[in-house]
Amino acid sequence: MAADWIKMRSDLATHPKVVRILSALKADKSRTESGRVSDKLQVIGALHAVWSLFDIHSEDGRLEGYSSDVIDSLIGFEGFAAAMISVGWLEQDGETLVMPRFDEHNGKSAKRRAQEAVRKREERNADTRPQSVRETSASDADKKRTREEKRREEEKNMLPDAVAVIDHLNEKAGRNFEVVESNTKFVFARMRDGATVEQLIAVVDAKVRDWLHDPKMSEYLRPSTLFNAEKFAQYAGSIGVSRFDGHASALSIDPVQAEWMRGAL
């Protein structure tokens, strides 16, 4: 499982194997008689779906327990896996599907090579641009690095508070969420919006009371839900939490005020 992107050739639409897959699918009488004749864009979209499936669920180009029928069902395209096998872009090994040359096009090393190639190409292009353009680009890159460094420093300072919030959620909800980027990013985002640790913990406590013993809702006692931008504002408003001059405080308010704050937060 490498990353959230895959390589796609810019000339894929005219690749001979794509043409052969298209011909094989059109030659399928049952498909033609049903009124669904594949076109080139459908084939390219299906290839993207299959390659993405391998990229997400395989580290070595093998999917144990998968068959052609399973692939067809997952991408919603009957007969497509067989067409890929016919051109050598997919292989069946017993109860395992294999993606030939997986390491050349997917996987972490392949993606690092692709990113390095892009970087070198951009550097070569940069050398041919006028001096004024290169200076502007360098300035923009410096600004981007400065923003990124500032963000990292900010998150470093906020980390103890984020740890306190996640630990509190684990304790109250009986969970075991780790202090990792996939969880802390939601806490950091709400703190950047002006929420304090006290406000975050107040929302945790309120939703634990509401959901902990509800089989359907208890699964939502997680950072991605509790501290989602839109949902957090609703949760905070529903328990009477307001902001004033960047600070959060719990107030005793009437229902009309609470409804106004839910819309304003």
Protein backbone atom coordinates (compact mmCIF):
# COMPACT_ATOMS: atom_id res chain seq x y z
CA MET A 1 0.00 0.00 0.00
CA ALA A 2 1.92 2.94 -1.29
CA ALA A 3 0.12 6.27 -1.38
CA ASP A 4 -3.04 8.04 -2.48
CA TRP A 5 -2.05 8.40 -6.16
CA ILE A 6 -1.08 6.14 -9.03
CA LYS A 7 0.82 6.60 -12.30
CA MET A 8 -1.28 6.95 -15.46
CA ARG A 9 0.32 7.29 -18.91
CA SER A 10 -0.68 10.43 -20.83
CA ASP A 11 -0.92 8.36 -24.03
CA LEU A 12 -2.94 5.55 -22.42
CA ALA A 13 -5.96 6.16 -24.67
CA THR A 14 -3.93 5.16 -27.74
CA HIS A 15 -1.95 2.35 -26.13
CA PRO A 16 -2.23 -0.86 -28.23
CA LYS A 17 -3.32 -2.91 -25.21
CA VAL A 18 -6.18 -0.51 -24.50
CA VAL A 19 -7.30 -0.93 -28.12
CA ARG A 20 -7.10 -4.71 -27.73
CA ILE A 21 -9.11 -4.64 -24.48
CA LEU A 22 -11.74 -2.51 -26.18
CA SER A 23 -11.93 -4.90 -29.11
CA ALA A 24 -12.23 -7.91 -26.81
CA LEU A 25 -15.07 -6.34 -24.87
CA LYS A 26 -16.93 -5.31 -28.03
CA ALA A 27 -16.52 -8.83 -29.39
CA ASP A 28 -18.39 -10.18 -26.35
CA LYS A 29 -21.80 -10.90 -27.89
CA SER A 30 -23.67 -10.97 -24.59
CA ARG A 31 -22.33 -7.50 -23.79
CA THR A 32 -23.22 -6.14 -27.23
CA GLU A 33 -26.69 -7.65 -27.20
CA SER A 34 -27.39 -6.18 -23.78
CA GLY A 35 -26.87 -2.74 -25.27
CA ARG A 36 -23.69 -1.92 -23.31
CA VAL A 37 -20.85 -1.52 -25.75
CA SER A 38 -17.69 -0.28 -24.07
CA ASP A 39 -15.94 2.86 -25.23
CA LYS A 40 -12.35 3.93 -24.70
CA LEU A 41 -13.11 6.20 -21.75
CA GLN A 42 -14.90 3.37 -19.95
CA VAL A 43 -11.85 1.17 -20.43
CA ILE A 44 -9.48 3.83 -19.12
CA GLY A 45 -11.72 4.46 -16.11
CA ALA A 46 -11.89 0.75 -15.37
CA LEU A 47 -8.10 0.44 -15.62
CA HIS A 48 -7.75 3.27 -13.13
CA ALA A 49 -10.16 1.49 -10.78
CA VAL A 50 -8.28 -1.83 -10.97
CA TRP A 51 -4.83 -0.26 -10.61
CA SER A 52 -6.07 1.81 -7.67
CA LEU A 53 -7.45 -1.34 -6.05
CA PHE A 54 -4.02 -2.98 -6.19
CA ASP A 55 -2.32 0.20 -5.01
CA ILE A 56 -4.56 0.41 -1.95
CA HIS A 57 -4.72 -3.24 -0.92
CA SER A 58 -1.43 -4.74 -2.11
CA GLU A 59 2.21 -4.17 -1.28
CA ASP A 60 3.67 -6.68 -3.73
CA GLY A 61 1.22 -6.71 -6.63
CA ARG A 62 -0.75 -9.72 -5.36
CA LEU A 63 -4.34 -9.85 -4.12
CA GLU A 64 -4.95 -13.08 -2.24
CA GLY A 65 -8.46 -14.51 -2.54
CA TYR A 66 -9.42 -12.30 -5.48
CA SER A 67 -10.77 -13.67 -8.73
CA SER A 68 -11.73 -12.14 -12.05
CA ASP A 69 -15.38 -12.21 -10.99
CA VAL A 70 -14.53 -10.36 -7.76
CA ILE A 71 -12.69 -7.62 -9.68
CA ASP A 72 -15.57 -7.29 -12.15
CA SER A 73 -18.02 -6.98 -9.27
CA LEU A 74 -15.92 -4.41 -7.39
CA ILE A 75 -15.55 -2.10 -10.40
CA GLY A 76 -18.99 -2.83 -11.85
CA PHE A 77 -17.66 -3.98 -15.23
CA GLU A 78 -18.42 -7.58 -16.27
CA GLY A 79 -15.67 -9.27 -18.26
CA PHE A 80 -13.07 -6.56 -17.68
CA ALA A 81 -10.64 -8.63 -15.62
CA ALA A 82 -10.59 -11.31 -18.32
CA ALA A 83 -9.85 -8.65 -20.92
CA MET A 84 -6.92 -7.40 -18.82
CA ILE A 85 -5.63 -10.95 -18.50
CA SER A 86 -5.83 -11.40 -22.26
CA VAL A 87 -3.38 -8.53 -22.85
CA GLY A 88 -1.02 -9.41 -19.98
CA TRP A 89 -1.96 -6.59 -17.63
CA LEU A 90 -3.37 -9.04 -15.08
CA GLU A 91 -2.59 -12.66 -14.17
CA GLN A 92 -4.51 -15.34 -12.29
CA ASP A 93 -2.38 -17.50 -9.97
CA GLY A 94 -4.73 -20.00 -8.36
CA GLU A 95 -6.89 -17.99 -5.96
CA THR A 96 -4.68 -14.92 -6.30
CA LEU A 97 -4.70 -12.10 -8.83
CA VAL A 98 -1.28 -10.73 -9.78
CA MET A 99 -0.41 -7.33 -11.27
CA PRO A 100 2.69 -7.84 -13.51
CA ARG A 101 5.52 -5.33 -13.08
CA PHE A 102 3.79 -3.86 -10.05
CA ASP A 103 7.04 -2.54 -8.57
CA GLU A 104 7.78 -0.56 -11.73
CA HIS A 105 4.58 1.44 -11.63
CA ASN A 106 3.18 1.21 -8.09
CA GLY A 107 4.73 0.80 -4.68
CA LYS A 108 6.73 3.31 -2.71
CA SER A 109 9.96 2.97 -4.68
CA ALA A 110 8.24 3.49 -8.03
CA LYS A 111 6.48 6.57 -6.77
CA ARG A 112 9.66 8.00 -5.36
CA ARG A 113 11.27 7.55 -8.76
CA ALA A 114 8.34 9.26 -10.46
CA GLN A 115 8.42 12.18 -8.05
CA GLU A 116 12.19 12.51 -8.48
CA ALA A 117 11.78 12.57 -12.26
CA VAL A 118 9.17 15.33 -11.98
CA ARG A 119 11.41 17.32 -9.65
CA LYS A 120 14.39 17.08 -12.01
CA ARG A 121 12.25 18.06 -14.99
CA GLU A 122 10.96 21.11 -13.13
CA GLU A 123 14.52 22.06 -12.21
CA ARG A 124 15.61 21.81 -15.85
CA ASN A 125 12.66 23.93 -16.93
CA ALA A 126 13.45 26.47 -14.21
CA ASP A 127 16.98 26.89 -15.56
CA THR A 128 15.63 27.96 -18.95
CA ARG A 129 13.29 30.65 -17.56
CA PRO A 130 14.25 34.34 -17.42
CA GLN A 131 16.11 35.46 -14.30
CA SER A 132 13.18 37.55 -13.07
CA VAL A 133 10.82 34.57 -13.29
CA ARG A 134 13.30 32.30 -11.47
CA GLU A 135 13.67 34.87 -8.69
CA THR A 136 9.88 35.14 -8.31
CA SER A 137 9.53 31.34 -8.18
CA ALA A 138 12.30 31.10 -5.59
CA SER A 139 10.58 33.76 -3.53
CA ASP A 140 7.28 31.88 -3.71
CA ALA A 141 9.05 28.67 -2.68
CA ASP A 142 10.64 30.45 0.29
CA LYS A 143 7.24 31.75 1.37
CA LYS A 144 5.76 28.28 1.09
CA ARG A 145 8.59 26.82 3.20
CA THR A 146 8.12 29.60 5.74
CA ARG A 147 4.40 28.87 6.02
CA GLU A 148 5.08 25.16 6.39
CA GLU A 149 7.70 25.76 9.06
CA LYS A 150 5.34 28.09 10.88
CA ARG A 151 2.58 25.47 10.75
CA ARG A 152 4.90 22.77 12.14
CA GLU A 153 6.07 25.05 14.94
CA GLU A 154 2.47 25.94 15.75
CA GLU A 155 1.44 22.28 15.90
CA LYS A 156 4.45 21.49 18.06
CA ASN A 157 3.27 24.08 20.58
CA MET A 158 -0.32 22.81 20.44
CA LEU A 159 0.64 19.12 20.74
CA PRO A 160 0.45 18.90 24.58
CA ASP A 161 -3.11 20.24 24.47
CA ALA A 162 -4.03 17.86 21.65
CA VAL A 163 -2.63 14.96 23.68
CA ALA A 164 -4.73 16.04 26.66
CA VAL A 165 -7.90 16.10 24.54
CA ILE A 166 -7.28 12.70 22.92
CA ASP A 167 -6.33 11.14 26.27
CA HIS A 168 -9.55 12.51 27.77
CA LEU A 169 -11.57 11.00 24.91
CA ASN A 170 -9.85 7.63 25.38
CA GLU A 171 -10.52 7.69 29.13
CA LYS A 172 -14.17 8.73 28.94
CA ALA A 173 -15.15 6.65 25.92
CA GLY A 174 -12.98 3.61 26.60
CA ARG A 175 -11.08 4.06 23.36
CA ASN A 176 -7.43 3.80 22.39
CA PHE A 177 -6.86 6.53 19.80
CA GLU A 178 -3.20 7.21 19.17
CA VAL A 179 -1.61 10.64 19.01
CA VAL A 180 -0.97 10.51 15.28
CA GLU A 181 -1.50 13.02 12.48
CA SER A 182 -4.76 11.38 11.33
CA ASN A 183 -6.26 12.20 14.77
CA THR A 184 -4.42 15.34 15.87
CA LYS A 185 -5.13 17.23 12.65
CA PHE A 186 -8.79 17.62 13.66
CA VAL A 187 -7.86 18.90 17.11
CA PHE A 188 -5.28 21.32 15.67
CA ALA A 189 -7.81 22.67 13.18
CA ARG A 190 -10.39 23.46 15.86
CA MET A 191 -7.73 25.07 18.05
CA ARG A 192 -6.72 27.26 15.12
CA ASP A 193 -10.38 28.27 14.89
CA GLY A 194 -10.14 29.53 18.45
CA ALA A 195 -11.41 26.56 20.46
CA THR A 196 -9.75 25.95 23.82
CA VAL A 197 -8.91 22.65 25.48
CA GLU A 198 -11.83 23.23 27.86
CA GLN A 199 -14.25 23.62 24.95
CA LEU A 200 -12.97 20.52 23.19
CA ILE A 201 -13.24 18.47 26.37
CA ALA A 202 -16.74 19.82 27.03
CA VAL A 203 -17.87 18.54 23.63
CA VAL A 204 -16.24 15.16 24.31
CA ASP A 205 -18.04 14.86 27.65
CA ALA A 206 -21.40 15.85 26.14
CA LYS A 207 -21.22 13.37 23.27
CA VAL A 208 -19.96 10.57 25.55
CA ARG A 209 -23.07 11.11 27.67
CA ASP A 210 -25.27 11.07 24.57
CA TRP A 211 -23.68 8.24 22.60
CA LEU A 212 -21.58 5.90 24.74
CA HIS A 213 -24.39 3.42 25.42
CA ASP A 214 -26.05 3.82 22.02
CA PRO A 215 -24.86 0.90 19.82
CA LYS A 216 -25.47 2.91 16.66
CA MET A 217 -23.88 6.19 17.73
CA SER A 218 -21.02 5.04 19.95
CA GLU A 219 -18.81 4.37 16.91
CA TYR A 220 -18.83 8.13 16.23
CA LEU A 221 -16.96 8.86 19.44
CA ARG A 222 -13.81 9.53 17.44
CA PRO A 223 -11.72 12.62 16.60
CA SER A 224 -12.76 12.74 12.95
CA THR A 225 -16.41 13.13 13.95
CA LEU A 226 -16.24 15.07 17.21
CA PHE A 227 -13.81 17.66 15.89
CA ASN A 228 -15.05 17.87 12.32
CA ALA A 229 -15.42 21.58 11.51
CA GLU A 230 -19.17 21.63 10.82
CA LYS A 231 -20.18 19.03 13.40
CA PHE A 232 -18.03 20.49 16.18
CA ALA A 233 -19.74 23.87 15.75
CA GLN A 234 -23.12 22.16 16.10
CA TYR A 235 -22.05 20.15 19.13
CA ALA A 236 -20.55 23.22 20.81
CA GLY A 237 -23.66 25.28 20.17
CA SER A 238 -25.97 22.58 21.49
CA ILE A 239 -24.27 22.59 24.90
CA GLY A 240 -24.15 26.39 25.18
CA VAL A 241 -20.52 27.06 24.31
CA SER A 242 -19.82 30.50 22.90
CA ARG A 243 -16.75 32.40 21.69
CA PHE A 244 -15.80 35.90 22.74
CA ASP A 245 -12.59 37.65 21.76
CA GLY A 246 -11.09 34.32 20.71
CA HIS A 247 -11.89 32.59 24.00
CA ALA A 248 -14.42 29.84 24.64
CA SER A 249 -16.65 29.66 27.68
CA ALA A 250 -19.68 27.68 28.79
CA LEU A 251 -22.70 29.87 29.38
CA SER A 252 -26.16 29.50 30.81
CA ILE A 253 -28.37 30.62 27.92
CA ASP A 254 -31.93 30.34 26.78
CA PRO A 255 -32.95 28.18 23.75
CA VAL A 256 -33.22 31.19 21.42
CA GLN A 257 -29.62 32.19 22.13
CA ALA A 258 -28.47 28.61 21.72
CA GLU A 259 -30.10 28.36 18.30
CA TRP A 260 -28.48 31.65 17.22
CA MET A 261 -25.04 30.44 18.33
CA ARG A 262 -25.43 27.14 16.45
CA GLY A 263 -25.84 29.12 13.29
CA ALA A 264 -23.09 31.61 14.10
CA LEU A 265 -20.33 29.20 15.17
